[in-house]
Every structure is written in C-alpha cells, then in structure tokens.
Amino acid sequence: MAQATDRLQRYLEDELGECRSEDLECRLEELDALEETIGTTRVETELDVLSALANETRYTLVRVLVAAGEELCVCELNAVVDVSESGLSHALSNLVDAGLVDARKDGRWKKYRATNRAVALVTVLEGSVSDA
C-alpha cells in the first residue's frame, strides 16, 4: 500500500505542481468513497454473471435464448449445443444462478427464457464488437 501511496503522491505532484499531505489524504478519501460506492457484494455478483458467460456453451445458450425472444424447451436447446444432457443441465443451472436465464417446469418439460439482464448484456456486446 505504501508503494501505491508513493506513486499516487508522485502523480499528484505532476498534476498539481506540488503535493501536500492534505492533497494526498483528500484524494485517498475520494478513492475510498469510489470503492465503497461499487461495493464488494456488487462486484462479486457481477463477476458471477461474467463468469457464467465465459464459457462457449453457456454463452451460446444465452445468445440463442435472447435471439429467440421466447421460451425454449431444454430439448430444443440440446439440439443447439453439442454437449451431454448433464453438461446442458449444468450449464443452464449456472445461467439460472447468475440471473441470466429463468426456468419453469411445463408438465414433463423444462423451459428456459433469457432474462432482461441477459438481453441487456448481449445488446451491449453486440454494439461493442464491430464486424471484421
């Protein structure tokens, strides 16, 4: 931490022309407030969502559900991805846990739908990647 504080002090000296201890303390307080605004729980939740998408099978499932815009049966999803039934079940469970997919039982079938969170993330990703 001391090394980071020393580096911050050098930065403030460059930016302000000089850096008093009050300047450094004030900036450290501002940075602490920023960190508190984000919150550890929020960061952990967001990392869970990103981790859920960081797998080809899970990401493909989310993309398919977003593109469908409706519920799809697990048997339909199984036709889209080349994984075992248990692999599919595990992937969908992770997506439900991350809040990217909702599931419901319909008789003997299980149906899945993309959540608003999944739609928003896919929309942002689509807008941030240009076609090569």
C-alpha atoms as a PDB file:
ATOM      1  CA  MET A   1       0.000   0.000   0.000  1.00  0.00           C
ATOM      2  CA  ALA A   2       2.857   2.365   0.774  1.00  0.00           C
ATOM      3  CA  GLN A   3       4.211   1.931  -2.757  1.00  0.00           C
ATOM      4  CA  ALA A   4       0.800   2.779  -4.204  1.00  0.00           C
ATOM      5  CA  THR A   5       0.574   5.846  -1.973  1.00  0.00           C
ATOM      6  CA  ASP A   6       4.051   6.969  -3.028  1.00  0.00           C
ATOM      7  CA  ARG A   7       3.114   6.564  -6.677  1.00  0.00           C
ATOM      8  CA  LEU A   8      -0.139   8.474  -6.168  1.00  0.00           C
ATOM      9  CA  GLN A   9       1.798  11.265  -4.480  1.00  0.00           C
ATOM     10  CA  ARG A  10       4.166  11.486  -7.465  1.00  0.00           C
ATOM     11  CA  TYR A  11       1.181  11.592  -9.805  1.00  0.00           C
ATOM     12  CA  LEU A  12      -0.475  14.387  -7.836  1.00  0.00           C
ATOM     13  CA  GLU A  13       2.789  16.321  -7.804  1.00  0.00           C
ATOM     14  CA  ASP A  14       2.892  16.072 -11.604  1.00  0.00           C
ATOM     15  CA  GLU A  15      -0.759  17.110 -11.936  1.00  0.00           C
ATOM     16  CA  LEU A  16      -0.837  19.863  -9.313  1.00  0.00           C
ATOM     17  CA  GLY A  17       2.730  21.102  -9.491  1.00  0.00           C
ATOM     18  CA  GLU A  18       3.134  20.195  -5.832  1.00  0.00           C
ATOM     19  CA  CYS A  19       1.502  17.732  -3.482  1.00  0.00           C
ATOM     20  CA  ARG A  20       0.849  18.482   0.149  1.00  0.00           C
ATOM     21  CA  SER A  21      -0.109  15.749   2.579  1.00  0.00           C
ATOM     22  CA  GLU A  22      -3.647  17.218   2.661  1.00  0.00           C
ATOM     23  CA  ASP A  23      -3.906  16.777  -1.124  1.00  0.00           C
ATOM     24  CA  LEU A  24      -2.866  13.166  -0.849  1.00  0.00           C
ATOM     25  CA  GLU A  25      -5.246  12.443   2.042  1.00  0.00           C
ATOM     26  CA  CYS A  26      -8.125  14.129   0.217  1.00  0.00           C
ATOM     27  CA  ARG A  27      -7.529  12.082  -2.929  1.00  0.00           C
ATOM     28  CA  LEU A  28      -7.237   8.857  -0.939  1.00  0.00           C
ATOM     29  CA  GLU A  29     -10.582   9.627   0.732  1.00  0.00           C
ATOM     30  CA  GLU A  30     -12.163  10.258  -2.691  1.00  0.00           C
ATOM     31  CA  LEU A  31     -10.819   6.950  -3.991  1.00  0.00           C
ATOM     32  CA  ASP A  32     -12.066   5.105  -0.896  1.00  0.00           C
ATOM     33  CA  ALA A  33     -15.523   6.598  -1.459  1.00  0.00           C
ATOM     34  CA  LEU A  34     -15.465   5.358  -5.052  1.00  0.00           C
ATOM     35  CA  GLU A  35     -14.560   1.880  -3.890  1.00  0.00           C
ATOM     36  CA  GLU A  36     -17.388   1.904  -1.324  1.00  0.00           C
ATOM     37  CA  THR A  37     -19.850   3.040  -3.998  1.00  0.00           C
ATOM     38  CA  ILE A  38     -19.158  -0.090  -6.003  1.00  0.00           C
ATOM     39  CA  GLY A  39     -19.312  -2.424  -3.022  1.00  0.00           C
ATOM     40  CA  THR A  40     -17.804  -5.871  -2.651  1.00  0.00           C
ATOM     41  CA  THR A  41     -21.133  -7.664  -2.997  1.00  0.00           C
ATOM     42  CA  ARG A  42     -21.908  -5.920  -6.268  1.00  0.00           C
ATOM     43  CA  VAL A  43     -18.502  -6.769  -7.700  1.00  0.00           C
ATOM     44  CA  GLU A  44     -18.903 -10.419  -6.697  1.00  0.00           C
ATOM     45  CA  THR A  45     -22.373 -10.589  -8.270  1.00  0.00           C
ATOM     46  CA  GLU A  46     -21.154  -9.006 -11.493  1.00  0.00           C
ATOM     47  CA  LEU A  47     -18.197 -11.390 -11.618  1.00  0.00           C
ATOM     48  CA  ASP A  48     -20.602 -14.327 -11.224  1.00  0.00           C
ATOM     49  CA  VAL A  49     -22.536 -13.072 -14.252  1.00  0.00           C
ATOM     50  CA  LEU A  50     -19.387 -12.587 -16.316  1.00  0.00           C
ATOM     51  CA  SER A  51     -18.064 -15.994 -15.250  1.00  0.00           C
ATOM     52  CA  ALA A  52     -21.315 -17.600 -16.362  1.00  0.00           C
ATOM     53  CA  LEU A  53     -20.832 -16.106 -19.829  1.00  0.00           C
ATOM     54  CA  ALA A  54     -17.150 -17.055 -20.018  1.00  0.00           C
ATOM     55  CA  ASN A  55     -17.859 -20.473 -21.481  1.00  0.00           C
ATOM     56  CA  GLU A  56     -18.774 -21.235 -25.086  1.00  0.00           C
ATOM     57  CA  THR A  57     -21.711 -23.488 -24.262  1.00  0.00           C
ATOM     58  CA  ARG A  58     -23.259 -21.124 -21.715  1.00  0.00           C
ATOM     59  CA  TYR A  59     -22.706 -18.072 -23.909  1.00  0.00           C
ATOM     60  CA  THR A  60     -24.240 -19.838 -26.918  1.00  0.00           C
ATOM     61  CA  LEU A  61     -27.274 -20.791 -24.840  1.00  0.00           C
ATOM     62  CA  VAL A  62     -27.748 -17.199 -23.703  1.00  0.00           C
ATOM     63  CA  ARG A  63     -27.366 -15.875 -27.250  1.00  0.00           C
ATOM     64  CA  VAL A  64     -29.884 -18.407 -28.587  1.00  0.00           C
ATOM     65  CA  LEU A  65     -32.410 -17.592 -25.857  1.00  0.00           C
ATOM     66  CA  VAL A  66     -32.007 -13.852 -26.420  1.00  0.00           C
ATOM     67  CA  ALA A  67     -32.362 -14.279 -30.187  1.00  0.00           C
ATOM     68  CA  ALA A  68     -35.435 -16.490 -29.756  1.00  0.00           C
ATOM     69  CA  GLY A  69     -37.202 -13.904 -27.639  1.00  0.00           C
ATOM     70  CA  GLU A  70     -39.364 -16.650 -26.203  1.00  0.00           C
ATOM     71  CA  GLU A  71     -39.135 -19.744 -24.069  1.00  0.00           C
ATOM     72  CA  LEU A  72     -37.337 -22.735 -25.473  1.00  0.00           C
ATOM     73  CA  CYS A  73     -37.612 -26.287 -24.249  1.00  0.00           C
ATOM     74  CA  VAL A  74     -34.483 -27.971 -22.945  1.00  0.00           C
ATOM     75  CA  CYS A  75     -34.777 -30.443 -25.840  1.00  0.00           C
ATOM     76  CA  GLU A  76     -34.597 -27.528 -28.309  1.00  0.00           C
ATOM     77  CA  LEU A  77     -31.530 -26.151 -26.543  1.00  0.00           C
ATOM     78  CA  ASN A  78     -29.930 -29.591 -26.583  1.00  0.00           C
ATOM     79  CA  ALA A  79     -30.209 -29.553 -30.380  1.00  0.00           C
ATOM     80  CA  VAL A  80     -28.257 -26.270 -30.481  1.00  0.00           C
ATOM     81  CA  VAL A  81     -25.216 -27.172 -28.373  1.00  0.00           C
ATOM     82  CA  ASP A  82     -23.062 -30.251 -28.668  1.00  0.00           C
ATOM     83  CA  VAL A  83     -22.906 -31.334 -25.024  1.00  0.00           C
ATOM     84  CA  SER A  84     -24.260 -34.195 -22.978  1.00  0.00           C
ATOM     85  CA  GLU A  85     -27.612 -33.842 -21.216  1.00  0.00           C
ATOM     86  CA  SER A  86     -25.835 -33.486 -17.880  1.00  0.00           C
ATOM     87  CA  GLY A  87     -23.494 -30.860 -19.378  1.00  0.00           C
ATOM     88  CA  LEU A  88     -26.506 -28.960 -20.691  1.00  0.00           C
ATOM     89  CA  SER A  89     -28.256 -29.204 -17.343  1.00  0.00           C
ATOM     90  CA  HIS A  90     -25.171 -27.933 -15.541  1.00  0.00           C
ATOM     91  CA  ALA A  91     -24.725 -25.030 -17.989  1.00  0.00           C
ATOM     92  CA  LEU A  92     -28.363 -23.992 -17.657  1.00  0.00           C
ATOM     93  CA  SER A  93     -28.172 -24.242 -13.878  1.00  0.00           C
ATOM     94  CA  ASN A  94     -25.183 -21.872 -13.875  1.00  0.00           C
ATOM     95  CA  LEU A  95     -27.071 -19.421 -16.076  1.00  0.00           C
ATOM     96  CA  VAL A  96     -30.113 -19.529 -13.799  1.00  0.00           C
ATOM     97  CA  ASP A  97     -27.895 -18.961 -10.747  1.00  0.00           C
ATOM     98  CA  ALA A  98     -26.309 -15.945 -12.462  1.00  0.00           C
ATOM     99  CA  GLY A  99     -29.725 -14.457 -13.200  1.00  0.00           C
ATOM    100  CA  LEU A 100     -29.300 -14.709 -16.960  1.00  0.00           C
ATOM    101  CA  VAL A 101     -31.960 -17.336 -17.576  1.00  0.00           C
ATOM    102  CA  ASP A 102     -35.324 -18.151 -15.999  1.00  0.00           C
ATOM    103  CA  ALA A 103     -36.593 -21.732 -15.911  1.00  0.00           C
ATOM    104  CA  ARG A 104     -40.014 -23.216 -15.405  1.00  0.00           C
ATOM    105  CA  LYS A 105     -41.478 -26.684 -15.466  1.00  0.00           C
ATOM    106  CA  ASP A 106     -44.232 -27.290 -18.039  1.00  0.00           C
ATOM    107  CA  GLY A 107     -45.582 -30.760 -17.491  1.00  0.00           C
ATOM    108  CA  ARG A 108     -42.697 -33.096 -18.096  1.00  0.00           C
ATOM    109  CA  TRP A 109     -40.655 -30.461 -19.959  1.00  0.00           C
ATOM    110  CA  LYS A 110     -38.422 -27.710 -18.664  1.00  0.00           C
ATOM    111  CA  LYS A 111     -38.496 -24.401 -20.485  1.00  0.00           C
ATOM    112  CA  TYR A 112     -35.968 -21.581 -20.377  1.00  0.00           C
ATOM    113  CA  ARG A 113     -36.123 -17.880 -21.219  1.00  0.00           C
ATOM    114  CA  ALA A 114     -33.466 -15.164 -21.264  1.00  0.00           C
ATOM    115  CA  THR A 115     -33.841 -12.548 -18.519  1.00  0.00           C
ATOM    116  CA  ASN A 116     -33.717  -8.803 -19.062  1.00  0.00           C
ATOM    117  CA  ARG A 117     -30.152  -8.907 -17.711  1.00  0.00           C
ATOM    118  CA  ALA A 118     -29.134 -11.343 -20.451  1.00  0.00           C
ATOM    119  CA  VAL A 119     -30.844  -9.260 -23.144  1.00  0.00           C
ATOM    120  CA  ALA A 120     -29.080  -6.108 -21.908  1.00  0.00           C
ATOM    121  CA  LEU A 121     -25.657  -7.769 -21.813  1.00  0.00           C
ATOM    122  CA  VAL A 122     -25.999  -9.293 -25.277  1.00  0.00           C
ATOM    123  CA  THR A 123     -27.219  -5.956 -26.647  1.00  0.00           C
ATOM    124  CA  VAL A 124     -24.203  -4.166 -25.181  1.00  0.00           C
ATOM    125  CA  LEU A 125     -21.835  -6.802 -26.534  1.00  0.00           C
ATOM    126  CA  GLU A 126     -23.385  -6.656 -29.983  1.00  0.00           C
ATOM    127  CA  GLY A 127     -22.941  -2.892 -30.005  1.00  0.00           C
ATOM    128  CA  SER A 128     -19.350  -3.022 -28.839  1.00  0.00           C
ATOM    129  CA  VAL A 129     -17.994  -5.503 -31.377  1.00  0.00           C
ATOM    130  CA  SER A 130     -17.616  -4.472 -34.988  1.00  0.00           C
ATOM    131  CA  ASP A 131     -17.913  -6.954 -37.815  1.00  0.00           C
ATOM    132  CA  ALA A 132     -14.462  -7.736 -39.175  1.00  0.00           C
END
